[in-house]
N, C-alpha and C. Protein backbone atom coordinates (compact mmCIF):
# COMPACT_ATOMS: atom_id res chain seq x y z
N MET A 1 126.11 92.51 79.91
CA MET A 1 125.43 92.20 81.15
C MET A 1 124.77 90.84 81.05
N GLY A 2 124.08 90.61 79.92
CA GLY A 2 123.39 89.34 79.75
C GLY A 2 124.33 88.16 79.89
N ALA A 3 125.54 88.28 79.32
CA ALA A 3 126.50 87.19 79.40
C ALA A 3 126.89 86.91 80.85
N LEU A 4 127.09 87.96 81.62
CA LEU A 4 127.44 87.76 83.03
C LEU A 4 126.30 87.11 83.78
N LEU A 5 125.09 87.58 83.55
CA LEU A 5 123.95 87.03 84.27
C LEU A 5 123.63 85.63 83.80
N ALA A 6 123.89 85.33 82.55
CA ALA A 6 123.61 84.01 82.02
C ALA A 6 124.48 82.95 82.67
N LEU A 7 125.64 83.34 83.17
CA LEU A 7 126.51 82.38 83.83
C LEU A 7 125.87 81.80 85.08
N GLY A 8 124.97 82.55 85.69
CA GLY A 8 124.25 82.05 86.84
C GLY A 8 124.94 82.29 88.16
N CYS A 9 126.24 82.29 88.19
CA CYS A 9 126.99 82.56 89.42
C CYS A 9 126.46 81.72 90.58
N GLY A 10 126.02 80.50 90.30
CA GLY A 10 125.50 79.64 91.35
C GLY A 10 124.09 79.99 91.76
N ALA A 11 123.41 80.75 90.93
CA ALA A 11 122.07 81.22 91.27
C ALA A 11 121.04 80.11 91.20
N HIS A 12 120.01 80.27 91.96
CA HIS A 12 118.85 79.38 91.94
C HIS A 12 117.92 79.88 90.85
N THR A 13 117.52 79.02 89.92
CA THR A 13 116.64 79.41 88.83
C THR A 13 115.26 78.83 89.06
N THR A 14 114.24 79.66 88.94
CA THR A 14 112.87 79.25 89.13
C THR A 14 112.07 79.67 87.91
N PRO A 15 111.24 78.79 87.36
CA PRO A 15 110.43 79.19 86.21
C PRO A 15 109.34 80.16 86.65
N PRO A 16 108.94 81.09 85.76
CA PRO A 16 107.87 82.02 86.12
C PRO A 16 106.55 81.29 86.27
N GLN A 17 105.68 81.84 87.12
CA GLN A 17 104.36 81.27 87.32
C GLN A 17 103.46 81.66 86.15
N GLU A 18 102.60 80.73 85.75
CA GLU A 18 101.68 81.03 84.66
C GLU A 18 100.61 82.01 85.15
N GLY A 19 100.17 82.87 84.23
CA GLY A 19 99.10 83.79 84.54
C GLY A 19 99.51 85.02 85.31
N ALA A 20 100.80 85.21 85.54
CA ALA A 20 101.25 86.39 86.28
C ALA A 20 100.99 87.65 85.46
N GLN A 21 100.63 88.71 86.10
CA GLN A 21 100.31 89.96 85.43
C GLN A 21 101.44 90.96 85.58
N PRO A 22 102.11 91.32 84.46
CA PRO A 22 103.15 92.35 84.55
C PRO A 22 102.53 93.72 84.73
N LEU A 23 103.37 94.71 84.96
CA LEU A 23 102.90 96.09 85.10
C LEU A 23 102.09 96.50 83.88
N GLY A 24 101.20 97.45 84.06
CA GLY A 24 100.35 97.93 82.98
C GLY A 24 101.07 98.80 81.98
N GLY A 25 100.78 100.08 81.94
CA GLY A 25 101.33 100.98 80.94
C GLY A 25 102.67 101.56 81.33
N ALA A 26 103.24 102.35 80.41
CA ALA A 26 104.55 102.96 80.62
C ALA A 26 104.55 103.87 81.85
N GLU A 27 103.40 104.48 82.16
CA GLU A 27 103.35 105.37 83.32
C GLU A 27 103.67 104.63 84.62
N ASP A 28 103.38 103.34 84.65
CA ASP A 28 103.67 102.55 85.84
C ASP A 28 105.17 102.36 86.04
N ARG A 29 105.94 102.53 84.99
CA ARG A 29 107.38 102.27 85.05
C ARG A 29 108.22 103.55 84.98
N SER A 30 107.61 104.69 84.99
CA SER A 30 108.36 105.93 84.79
C SER A 30 109.46 106.14 85.84
N TYR A 31 109.24 105.68 87.05
CA TYR A 31 110.26 105.84 88.09
C TYR A 31 111.54 105.08 87.76
N ARG A 32 111.44 104.07 86.88
CA ARG A 32 112.61 103.27 86.52
C ARG A 32 113.61 104.03 85.67
N ASP A 33 113.21 105.14 85.10
CA ASP A 33 114.14 105.93 84.29
C ASP A 33 115.38 106.30 85.10
N ALA A 34 115.20 106.52 86.38
CA ALA A 34 116.33 106.90 87.25
C ALA A 34 117.28 105.73 87.48
N TYR A 35 116.87 104.51 87.17
CA TYR A 35 117.70 103.34 87.40
C TYR A 35 118.71 103.10 86.29
N GLY A 36 118.60 103.81 85.18
CA GLY A 36 119.50 103.60 84.04
C GLY A 36 120.97 103.51 84.39
N PRO A 37 121.50 104.45 85.16
CA PRO A 37 122.92 104.42 85.49
C PRO A 37 123.36 103.19 86.30
N TYR A 38 122.43 102.53 86.95
CA TYR A 38 122.78 101.38 87.77
C TYR A 38 123.15 100.15 86.95
N ALA A 39 122.75 100.10 85.69
CA ALA A 39 123.06 98.92 84.86
C ALA A 39 124.56 98.70 84.77
N ASP A 40 125.33 99.77 84.50
CA ASP A 40 126.79 99.64 84.43
C ASP A 40 127.38 99.26 85.78
N GLU A 41 126.84 99.84 86.83
CA GLU A 41 127.31 99.55 88.19
C GLU A 41 127.12 98.08 88.52
N VAL A 42 125.95 97.54 88.18
CA VAL A 42 125.65 96.14 88.46
C VAL A 42 126.58 95.24 87.65
N ARG A 43 126.76 95.54 86.38
CA ARG A 43 127.63 94.74 85.51
C ARG A 43 129.07 94.71 86.07
N GLU A 44 129.58 95.87 86.47
CA GLU A 44 130.94 95.95 87.02
C GLU A 44 131.05 95.20 88.35
N ALA A 45 130.02 95.31 89.18
CA ALA A 45 130.04 94.63 90.48
C ALA A 45 130.00 93.12 90.31
N LEU A 46 129.26 92.63 89.33
CA LEU A 46 129.24 91.19 89.06
C LEU A 46 130.60 90.73 88.55
N ALA A 47 131.19 91.49 87.65
CA ALA A 47 132.49 91.12 87.08
C ALA A 47 133.59 91.09 88.15
N SER A 48 133.49 91.99 89.13
CA SER A 48 134.52 92.06 90.17
C SER A 48 134.27 91.09 91.32
N GLY A 49 133.08 90.51 91.37
CA GLY A 49 132.74 89.59 92.46
C GLY A 49 132.13 90.27 93.67
N ARG A 50 131.93 91.60 93.61
CA ARG A 50 131.31 92.31 94.75
C ARG A 50 129.84 91.94 94.89
N CYS A 51 129.22 91.51 93.80
CA CYS A 51 127.81 91.13 93.81
C CYS A 51 127.68 89.76 93.16
N LYS A 52 126.55 89.10 93.42
CA LYS A 52 126.32 87.78 92.83
C LYS A 52 124.85 87.65 92.46
N VAL A 53 124.59 86.80 91.49
CA VAL A 53 123.21 86.50 91.12
C VAL A 53 122.71 85.46 92.12
N ASP A 54 121.71 85.84 92.90
CA ASP A 54 121.15 84.92 93.90
C ASP A 54 120.05 84.04 93.34
N LYS A 55 119.20 84.64 92.50
CA LYS A 55 118.04 83.91 91.98
C LYS A 55 117.78 84.34 90.55
N LYS A 56 117.13 83.46 89.81
CA LYS A 56 116.68 83.79 88.46
C LYS A 56 115.21 83.41 88.35
N CYS A 57 114.51 84.15 87.52
CA CYS A 57 113.09 83.91 87.28
C CYS A 57 112.83 84.25 85.82
N GLY A 58 112.79 83.25 84.98
CA GLY A 58 112.64 83.52 83.55
C GLY A 58 113.80 84.36 83.06
N ASP A 59 113.51 85.51 82.47
CA ASP A 59 114.54 86.41 81.96
C ASP A 59 114.97 87.46 82.98
N LEU A 60 114.62 87.27 84.23
CA LEU A 60 115.00 88.21 85.28
C LEU A 60 115.98 87.56 86.25
N ALA A 61 116.79 88.39 86.88
CA ALA A 61 117.72 87.91 87.89
C ALA A 61 117.71 88.86 89.07
N PHE A 62 117.92 88.31 90.27
CA PHE A 62 118.09 89.13 91.45
C PHE A 62 119.58 89.14 91.75
N VAL A 63 120.17 90.34 91.72
CA VAL A 63 121.60 90.52 91.97
C VAL A 63 121.77 91.05 93.38
N ASN A 64 122.47 90.28 94.19
CA ASN A 64 122.68 90.59 95.60
C ASN A 64 124.03 91.28 95.77
N CYS A 65 123.99 92.49 96.27
CA CYS A 65 125.22 93.26 96.53
C CYS A 65 125.33 93.53 98.03
N GLY A 66 125.24 92.47 98.80
CA GLY A 66 125.36 92.59 100.25
C GLY A 66 124.08 92.98 100.94
N ILE A 67 122.96 92.53 100.41
CA ILE A 67 121.65 92.91 100.98
C ILE A 67 121.52 92.45 102.44
N GLU A 68 122.26 91.40 102.81
CA GLU A 68 122.21 90.90 104.20
C GLU A 68 122.76 91.92 105.18
N ALA A 69 123.58 92.83 104.71
CA ALA A 69 124.20 93.84 105.58
C ALA A 69 123.84 95.24 105.09
N ASP A 70 122.57 95.43 104.76
CA ASP A 70 122.04 96.72 104.30
C ASP A 70 122.61 97.18 102.97
N GLY A 71 123.14 96.25 102.19
CA GLY A 71 123.58 96.57 100.83
C GLY A 71 122.37 96.59 99.91
N LEU A 72 122.65 96.76 98.64
CA LEU A 72 121.57 96.84 97.67
C LEU A 72 121.31 95.51 97.01
N GLY A 73 120.08 95.35 96.53
CA GLY A 73 119.69 94.22 95.71
C GLY A 73 119.02 94.79 94.46
N TYR A 74 119.33 94.21 93.33
CA TYR A 74 118.81 94.71 92.05
C TYR A 74 118.04 93.61 91.34
N TYR A 75 116.87 93.93 90.85
CA TYR A 75 116.15 93.05 89.95
C TYR A 75 116.48 93.52 88.54
N VAL A 76 117.04 92.61 87.74
CA VAL A 76 117.59 92.97 86.44
C VAL A 76 116.97 92.11 85.34
N ASP A 77 116.65 92.75 84.21
CA ASP A 77 116.22 92.04 83.01
C ASP A 77 117.49 91.53 82.34
N THR A 78 117.68 90.22 82.26
CA THR A 78 118.93 89.67 81.74
C THR A 78 119.06 89.85 80.23
N ARG A 79 117.96 90.07 79.53
CA ARG A 79 118.03 90.28 78.08
C ARG A 79 118.60 91.66 77.75
N SER A 80 118.14 92.67 78.45
CA SER A 80 118.54 94.05 78.15
C SER A 80 119.58 94.60 79.12
N GLY A 81 119.70 93.99 80.29
CA GLY A 81 120.59 94.51 81.32
C GLY A 81 119.95 95.63 82.13
N ALA A 82 118.70 95.96 81.84
CA ALA A 82 118.01 97.05 82.52
C ALA A 82 117.71 96.68 83.97
N VAL A 83 117.91 97.63 84.87
CA VAL A 83 117.56 97.45 86.27
C VAL A 83 116.08 97.79 86.42
N LEU A 84 115.30 96.83 86.91
CA LEU A 84 113.86 97.02 87.07
C LEU A 84 113.50 97.56 88.45
N GLU A 85 114.31 97.22 89.44
CA GLU A 85 114.02 97.68 90.80
C GLU A 85 115.30 97.66 91.62
N VAL A 86 115.42 98.63 92.51
CA VAL A 86 116.53 98.70 93.46
C VAL A 86 115.93 98.50 94.84
N CYS A 87 116.43 97.51 95.56
CA CYS A 87 115.87 97.15 96.87
C CYS A 87 117.00 97.04 97.89
N GLY A 88 116.65 96.65 99.09
CA GLY A 88 117.64 96.44 100.13
C GLY A 88 117.92 97.69 100.93
N GLY A 89 119.19 98.02 101.09
CA GLY A 89 119.62 99.17 101.88
C GLY A 89 118.99 100.47 101.41
N ALA A 90 118.67 100.56 100.13
CA ALA A 90 118.03 101.77 99.60
C ALA A 90 116.67 102.00 100.26
N CYS A 91 116.03 100.93 100.68
CA CYS A 91 114.71 101.05 101.30
C CYS A 91 114.79 101.70 102.68
N TRP A 92 115.85 101.40 103.41
CA TRP A 92 116.00 101.96 104.74
C TRP A 92 116.19 103.46 104.69
N ALA A 93 116.85 103.94 103.65
CA ALA A 93 117.11 105.38 103.52
C ALA A 93 115.87 106.14 103.02
N ARG A 94 114.85 105.39 102.64
CA ARG A 94 113.60 105.97 102.12
C ARG A 94 113.86 106.98 101.01
N ARG A 95 114.70 106.57 100.08
CA ARG A 95 115.00 107.41 98.93
C ARG A 95 113.85 107.33 97.95
N GLU A 96 113.37 108.47 97.52
CA GLU A 96 112.24 108.52 96.60
C GLU A 96 112.59 107.82 95.31
N GLY A 97 111.67 106.98 94.83
CA GLY A 97 111.86 106.27 93.58
C GLY A 97 112.57 104.94 93.74
N PHE A 98 112.96 104.58 94.95
CA PHE A 98 113.58 103.30 95.20
C PHE A 98 112.60 102.43 95.97
N CYS A 99 112.73 101.14 95.80
CA CYS A 99 111.89 100.18 96.55
C CYS A 99 110.42 100.39 96.27
N VAL A 100 110.09 100.78 95.05
CA VAL A 100 108.70 101.00 94.68
C VAL A 100 107.94 99.68 94.67
N ALA A 101 108.57 98.65 94.12
CA ALA A 101 107.95 97.33 94.05
C ALA A 101 109.04 96.28 94.21
N CYS A 102 109.23 95.81 95.44
CA CYS A 102 110.26 94.81 95.72
C CYS A 102 109.58 93.51 96.15
N PRO A 103 109.59 92.50 95.35
CA PRO A 103 110.09 92.40 93.99
C PRO A 103 109.14 93.07 93.01
N PRO A 104 109.63 93.37 91.80
CA PRO A 104 108.77 94.00 90.79
C PRO A 104 107.71 93.00 90.31
N PRO A 105 106.59 93.48 89.77
CA PRO A 105 105.52 92.59 89.31
C PRO A 105 105.96 91.59 88.26
N GLU A 106 106.98 91.90 87.51
CA GLU A 106 107.46 90.97 86.49
C GLU A 106 108.10 89.72 87.10
N TRP A 107 108.51 89.82 88.36
CA TRP A 107 109.11 88.69 89.07
C TRP A 107 107.97 87.81 89.54
N THR A 108 107.76 86.72 88.84
CA THR A 108 106.58 85.88 89.08
C THR A 108 106.91 84.56 89.75
N CYS A 109 108.06 84.48 90.38
CA CYS A 109 108.51 83.22 90.98
C CYS A 109 108.45 83.23 92.50
N GLY A 110 107.61 84.04 93.08
CA GLY A 110 107.58 84.16 94.53
C GLY A 110 108.52 85.24 94.96
N GLU A 111 108.93 85.19 96.23
CA GLU A 111 109.79 86.25 96.75
C GLU A 111 110.98 86.36 95.91
């Protein structure tokens, strides 16, 4: 996953802002356990061209899978490939555990 995201896919890269505060303890991230299966999905979608890296912020990337048309958007840790947040069309369906923090607190580069 990291290799795919490192390519940039024409993404805009922004350095993180100094002094940004990441999430606190592990309890703040427990909802992310459900995102584990999405890592493979995101990697495959990037490889096939169905999704693209729109933005980068330090070691994070925003992967756009058609968010303009109610598709999903994923905030991904490029080092581990872990999905930190699922946003976009998932928010409209009000699925529990999705869109908890869009963008996640670790994304310190603005929207």
